[in-house]
Protein backbone atom coordinates (compact mmCIF):
# COMPACT_ATOMS: atom_id res chain seq x y z
CA UNK A 1 0.05 -0.44 0.29
CA UNK A 2 1.27 3.70 -0.85
CA UNK A 3 0.74 6.53 1.54
CA UNK A 4 -1.08 9.64 -0.29
CA UNK A 5 1.39 11.68 -0.19
CA UNK A 6 -0.34 15.82 1.17
CA UNK A 7 0.83 19.05 0.58
CA UNK A 8 0.22 20.63 4.45
CA UNK A 9 -1.69 22.70 2.74
CA UNK A 10 -4.17 21.07 1.75
CA UNK A 11 -4.49 18.54 5.26
CA UNK A 12 -7.79 17.94 7.11
CA UNK A 13 -6.94 18.27 10.97
CA UNK A 14 -7.71 15.45 12.54
CA UNK A 15 -6.49 12.75 15.60
CA UNK A 16 -3.40 11.59 14.71
CA UNK A 17 0.00 10.16 15.63
CA UNK A 18 2.50 11.55 13.58
CA UNK A 19 6.58 11.11 12.76
CA UNK A 20 8.92 13.09 12.14
CA UNK A 21 12.24 13.58 10.04
CA UNK A 22 13.23 13.09 6.62
CA UNK A 23 13.54 9.76 6.17
CA UNK A 24 15.27 9.64 3.39
CA UNK A 25 15.41 5.74 2.12
CA UNK A 26 13.49 4.70 5.06
CA UNK A 27 15.33 2.60 6.64
CA UNK A 28 16.20 0.26 9.73
CA UNK A 29 16.19 3.83 12.58
CA UNK A 30 13.87 5.17 9.80
CA UNK A 31 11.46 2.07 10.64
CA UNK A 32 11.84 2.25 14.44
CA UNK A 33 10.23 6.37 14.89
CA UNK A 34 7.25 5.54 11.65
CA UNK A 35 6.66 2.19 13.62
CA UNK A 36 2.83 2.78 14.81
CA UNK A 37 2.31 6.26 13.39
CA UNK A 38 -0.58 6.17 10.83
CA UNK A 39 1.02 9.76 9.71
CA UNK A 40 4.78 10.46 8.44
CA UNK A 41 5.89 13.82 8.62
CA UNK A 42 8.47 14.89 6.55
CA UNK A 43 10.62 18.67 4.61
CA UNK A 44 10.13 19.54 1.22
CA UNK A 45 12.60 20.11 -0.48
CA UNK A 46 15.65 19.26 1.60
CA UNK A 47 16.27 21.97 3.96
CA UNK A 48 19.39 22.70 2.93
CA UNK A 49 18.45 23.99 -0.51
CA UNK A 50 17.36 26.67 1.97
CA UNK A 51 19.62 27.11 4.67
CA UNK A 52 22.54 25.28 3.03
CA UNK A 53 22.45 25.39 -0.80
CA UNK A 54 24.62 23.54 -2.30
CA UNK A 55 25.46 21.27 0.52
CA UNK A 56 22.67 18.98 -0.55
CA UNK A 57 22.91 15.13 0.41
CA UNK A 58 22.54 12.92 -2.75
CA UNK A 59 19.11 11.73 -2.12
CA UNK A 60 17.84 7.35 -1.77
CA UNK A 61 14.77 8.07 -2.64
CA UNK A 62 13.26 10.19 -4.54
CA UNK A 63 9.17 11.43 -2.41
CA UNK A 64 6.83 8.87 -4.92
CA UNK A 65 9.19 5.44 -3.20
CA UNK A 66 9.72 7.05 0.14
CA UNK A 67 5.09 7.62 0.01
CA UNK A 68 5.79 3.40 -1.10
CA UNK A 69 7.67 2.46 1.68
CA UNK A 70 5.78 3.84 4.45
CA UNK A 71 2.91 3.05 2.91
CA UNK A 72 4.89 -0.57 4.14
CA UNK A 73 4.78 -0.52 7.06
CA UNK A 74 1.31 1.16 7.56
CA UNK A 75 1.63 4.47 7.59
CA UNK A 76 -1.72 6.17 5.85
CA UNK A 77 -0.59 9.60 4.67
CA UNK A 78 2.58 11.60 3.70
CA UNK A 79 2.52 15.35 4.41
CA UNK A 80 5.05 17.86 2.78
CA UNK A 81 6.05 20.80 4.59
CA UNK A 82 6.83 23.55 1.98
CA UNK A 83 10.42 23.92 3.69
CA UNK A 84 10.98 27.51 2.43
CA UNK A 85 12.37 31.02 4.44
CA UNK A 86 9.89 30.71 6.46
CA UNK A 87 9.19 27.52 7.34
CA UNK A 88 13.38 28.02 8.44
CA UNK A 89 12.80 31.28 10.40
CA UNK A 90 10.05 29.64 12.93
CA UNK A 91 10.87 29.33 15.97
CA UNK A 92 10.23 25.26 17.88
CA UNK A 93 7.62 26.79 19.57
CA UNK A 94 5.35 28.54 16.10
CA UNK A 95 6.18 25.38 14.79
CA UNK A 96 4.58 22.73 17.23
CA UNK A 97 1.75 25.05 17.96
CA UNK A 98 1.16 26.33 13.97
CA UNK A 99 1.42 23.16 11.98
CA UNK A 100 1.78 20.46 14.59
CA UNK A 101 -1.34 21.74 16.39
CA UNK A 102 -3.26 23.32 14.96
CA UNK A 103 -2.84 22.38 11.49
CA UNK A 104 -2.41 18.46 12.09
CA UNK A 105 -4.41 17.93 15.69
CA UNK A 106 -1.58 15.79 16.57
CA UNK A 107 -2.13 13.78 20.13
CA UNK A 108 0.36 11.87 19.22
CA UNK A 109 4.62 12.67 18.38
CA UNK A 110 6.70 9.96 17.63
CA UNK A 111 11.07 11.03 16.29
CA UNK A 112 13.99 9.88 16.84
CA UNK A 113 16.23 10.93 19.79
CA UNK A 114 18.80 12.58 17.23
CA UNK A 115 16.06 14.92 16.02
CA UNK A 116 16.06 18.32 15.10
CA UNK A 117 13.86 21.69 14.23
CA UNK A 118 13.27 25.08 14.24
CA UNK A 119 15.08 28.08 13.14
CA UNK A 120 18.43 26.88 14.13
CA UNK A 121 17.48 23.01 15.03
CA UNK A 122 16.84 25.00 18.21
CA UNK A 123 13.80 22.36 18.41
CA UNK A 124 15.26 19.23 20.75
CA UNK A 125 12.46 16.23 21.14
CA UNK A 126 12.85 17.17 24.95
CA UNK A 127 10.73 19.65 23.82
CA UNK A 128 8.71 18.21 22.81
CA UNK A 129 8.09 15.64 25.54
CA UNK A 130 7.50 18.97 27.48
CA UNK A 131 4.07 19.72 25.13
CA UNK A 132 1.36 18.05 27.47
CA UNK A 133 -1.00 18.29 24.35
CA UNK A 134 0.13 15.48 22.26
CA UNK A 135 2.45 12.35 23.14
CA UNK A 136 5.50 11.59 22.67
CA UNK A 137 7.44 9.34 21.30
CA UNK A 138 11.34 9.25 21.35
CA UNK A 139 12.73 6.55 19.44
CA UNK A 140 16.43 5.58 20.33
CA UNK A 141 19.75 5.69 17.57
CA UNK A 142 18.69 1.87 16.09
CA UNK A 143 22.67 0.11 15.85
CA UNK A 144 23.46 -2.65 13.07
CA UNK A 145 27.24 -3.77 12.94
CA UNK A 146 29.03 -1.76 15.53
CA UNK A 147 27.41 1.98 14.51
CA UNK A 148 24.75 3.12 14.20
CA UNK A 149 22.09 3.40 10.83
CA UNK A 150 21.91 6.22 8.96
CA UNK A 151 21.48 7.68 5.48
CA UNK A 152 24.68 9.16 5.58
CA UNK A 153 26.19 5.48 6.36
CA UNK A 154 22.96 4.27 3.71
CA UNK A 155 25.00 6.83 1.48
CA UNK A 156 28.82 5.77 1.82
CA UNK A 157 28.02 2.07 0.97
CA UNK A 158 25.80 2.69 -2.04
CA UNK A 159 28.34 5.42 -3.20
CA UNK A 160 31.12 2.54 -2.91
CA UNK A 161 29.34 0.81 -4.85
CA UNK A 162 28.74 -1.70 -2.31
CA UNK A 163 24.67 -1.99 -3.06
CA UNK A 164 23.83 -5.66 -0.64
CA UNK A 165 25.21 -4.10 2.42
CA UNK A 166 23.37 -1.04 1.20
CA UNK A 167 19.72 -3.70 1.33
CA UNK A 168 20.58 -5.48 3.94
CA UNK A 169 20.52 -1.46 5.97
CA UNK A 170 17.27 -0.35 3.27
CA UNK A 171 15.17 -3.90 4.12
CA UNK A 172 14.69 -2.60 0.61
CA UNK A 173 17.09 -2.56 -2.55
CA UNK A 174 18.11 0.72 -3.40
CA UNK A 175 16.36 1.79 -6.23
CA UNK A 176 16.78 3.67 -9.21
CA UNK A 177 14.04 5.27 -11.32
CA UNK A 178 13.77 6.92 -14.04
CA UNK A 179 12.41 7.77 -18.19
CA UNK A 180 13.96 5.70 -21.17
CA UNK A 181 15.96 7.73 -22.73
CA UNK A 182 17.21 6.98 -26.30
CA UNK A 183 21.71 7.02 -26.57
CA UNK A 184 24.03 6.89 -28.87
CA UNK A 185 22.17 3.22 -29.50
CA UNK A 186 26.52 1.49 -28.62
CA UNK A 187 24.54 -1.63 -26.49
CA UNK A 188 22.39 -2.68 -29.98
CA UNK A 189 25.92 -2.41 -32.57
CA UNK A 190 27.41 -5.13 -29.97
CA UNK A 191 24.55 -7.92 -29.17
CA UNK A 192 23.85 -6.55 -25.92
CA UNK A 193 20.39 -3.09 -26.53
CA UNK A 194 20.48 -1.42 -23.03
CA UNK A 195 17.54 0.84 -22.35
CA UNK A 196 18.89 4.39 -21.11
CA UNK A 197 17.51 5.55 -18.01
CA UNK A 198 17.47 9.45 -16.58
CA UNK A 199 17.34 9.45 -12.94
CA UNK A 200 16.02 12.60 -10.94
CA UNK A 201 18.93 15.58 -10.88
CA UNK A 202 19.95 15.19 -7.38
CA UNK A 203 19.26 11.54 -6.70
CA UNK A 204 22.81 8.72 -5.33
CA UNK A 205 24.34 6.77 -7.57
CA UNK A 206 25.99 3.45 -6.96
CA UNK A 207 29.62 3.72 -7.79
CA UNK A 208 31.06 3.66 -11.21
CA UNK A 209 30.68 -0.23 -12.31
CA UNK A 210 28.25 -3.04 -13.03
CA UNK A 211 25.48 -4.76 -11.29
CA UNK A 212 22.92 -6.90 -10.55
CA UNK A 213 19.57 -5.46 -10.50
CA UNK A 214 15.95 -6.69 -11.20
CA UNK A 215 14.09 -3.83 -12.94
CA UNK A 216 10.03 -3.92 -12.90
CA UNK A 217 8.47 -2.07 -15.60
CA UNK A 218 5.78 0.48 -16.68
CA UNK A 219 3.17 -3.14 -16.78
CA UNK A 220 4.34 -4.07 -14.18
CA UNK A 221 6.52 -6.79 -14.86
CA UNK A 222 9.39 -7.51 -13.98
CA UNK A 223 12.93 -7.79 -15.79
CA UNK A 224 16.46 -9.66 -14.79
CA UNK A 225 18.74 -6.79 -16.19
CA UNK A 226 22.61 -6.27 -16.48
CA UNK A 227 23.15 -2.78 -15.08
CA UNK A 228 26.59 -0.20 -15.66
CA UNK A 229 27.63 2.94 -14.79
CA UNK A 230 29.83 5.16 -15.51
CA UNK A 231 31.27 7.22 -18.46
CA UNK A 232 31.18 4.15 -21.13
CA UNK A 233 35.96 4.17 -21.09
CA UNK A 234 35.62 1.76 -24.20
CA UNK A 235 33.58 4.23 -25.96
CA UNK A 236 33.75 8.36 -26.70
CA UNK A 237 31.11 9.88 -26.17
CA UNK A 238 29.95 13.23 -24.06
CA UNK A 239 27.21 11.65 -22.73
CA UNK A 240 28.67 11.87 -18.65
CA UNK A 241 27.87 9.02 -16.80
CA UNK A 242 25.36 6.63 -18.50
CA UNK A 243 22.52 4.31 -16.66
CA UNK A 244 21.69 1.10 -18.87
CA UNK A 245 20.58 -2.15 -18.56
CA UNK A 246 20.62 -4.80 -19.91
CA UNK A 247 17.02 -6.31 -19.60
CA UNK A 248 17.90 -10.14 -20.41
CA UNK A 249 14.86 -12.23 -22.10
CA UNK A 250 13.31 -8.74 -23.23
CA UNK A 251 12.20 -7.38 -26.40
CA UNK A 252 10.14 -4.12 -27.22
CA UNK A 253 10.30 -0.21 -27.01
CA UNK A 254 10.51 0.91 -23.84
CA UNK A 255 11.13 4.75 -24.52
CA UNK A 256 10.05 7.05 -23.10
CA UNK A 257 8.13 4.53 -20.38
CA UNK A 258 8.99 5.30 -16.46
CA UNK A 259 12.21 2.09 -15.02
CA UNK A 260 13.22 1.56 -11.64
CA UNK A 261 15.92 -0.76 -10.52
CA UNK A 262 16.36 -2.61 -8.71
CA UNK A 263 20.34 -2.82 -7.14
CA UNK A 264 20.89 -6.90 -5.44
CA UNK A 265 25.03 -7.56 -5.69
CA UNK A 266 28.04 -5.08 -7.23
CA UNK A 267 29.74 -7.34 -10.23
CA UNK A 268 32.41 -4.96 -11.22
CA UNK A 269 33.90 -1.79 -11.22
CA UNK A 270 33.99 0.05 -14.23
CA UNK A 271 37.12 -1.16 -16.61
CA UNK A 272 38.74 -0.82 -20.74
CA UNK A 273 39.14 -3.76 -22.70
CA UNK A 274 42.23 -3.74 -25.52
CA UNK A 275 39.58 -4.69 -26.83
CA UNK A 276 35.95 -4.14 -28.47
CA UNK A 277 35.84 -8.29 -28.79
CA UNK A 278 36.94 -8.79 -24.58
CA UNK A 279 34.42 -6.40 -23.69
CA UNK A 280 32.03 -8.03 -24.53
CA UNK A 281 33.24 -11.54 -23.79
CA UNK A 282 33.21 -10.05 -20.52
CA UNK A 283 29.42 -8.50 -21.28
CA UNK A 284 27.87 -11.73 -21.50
CA UNK A 285 30.39 -12.81 -17.95
CA UNK A 286 28.26 -10.35 -16.06
CA UNK A 287 25.37 -11.17 -17.77
CA UNK A 288 26.21 -15.30 -16.19
CA UNK A 289 26.44 -13.51 -13.25
CA UNK A 290 23.44 -11.32 -13.72
CA UNK A 291 21.06 -14.70 -14.58
CA UNK A 292 22.47 -16.22 -10.96
CA UNK A 293 22.15 -13.27 -8.71
CA UNK A 294 18.50 -11.53 -9.45
CA UNK A 295 15.85 -13.92 -10.43
CA UNK A 296 12.62 -12.49 -10.62
């Protein structure tokens, strides 16, 4: 089930329990905060776009995917607070009064122990807990492998290409979705036609290399996919970083359609071969490994 995405201006007041936070990735720690809430309240766009332009971290999930993930754990609504100069300048007490009490009529609030809000990030979980108009649950940080589970940690794993390890913290695989665009058709020339994906701006990308993935098409069908991310060093190109997916056992036209890729395993890093024949032979081995590691 997907949670309903509701802009703050359109939300209706009702007794509710809200989980407050960014929840990018909806990882294990996020899920403990969200548990028992019927509404997730988050900021959009990311606050750093206003308070620290240029320092916004790459996002692990789009708003649409976040709605699907929180919906899977029982959340009914994903309420988006438009983060602008007004919200950035709000005192914590104003935020509580105007948004939590008046706009949402909250009866319960759930936050992680490191949650901060309001002007200068001066609002704390303890401030929320001191307000007698609603019950506040402060959830301790989740630890796995001796480290805190955080979106930052997951981003670092993804950036290193450690997508299987990121999967363990995210519960669901790391996903990139986007529209299939026309490319230079190099894959078709060597016998492995690829769907070239344009991810959303600002989305996290795994390290350059080849990955065993599962692909979900616009019609809901799924295919095993060998996916390359990188600059394609074998061929000169001015296209920059490419996300190219070879869908196994698929024939059809995907141009202009939405495609979603689940990253399961990293097969190898990006490399340049001495000849195109060596490249073709390696892609054949990549396809065999992908078929074994990412069945649908």
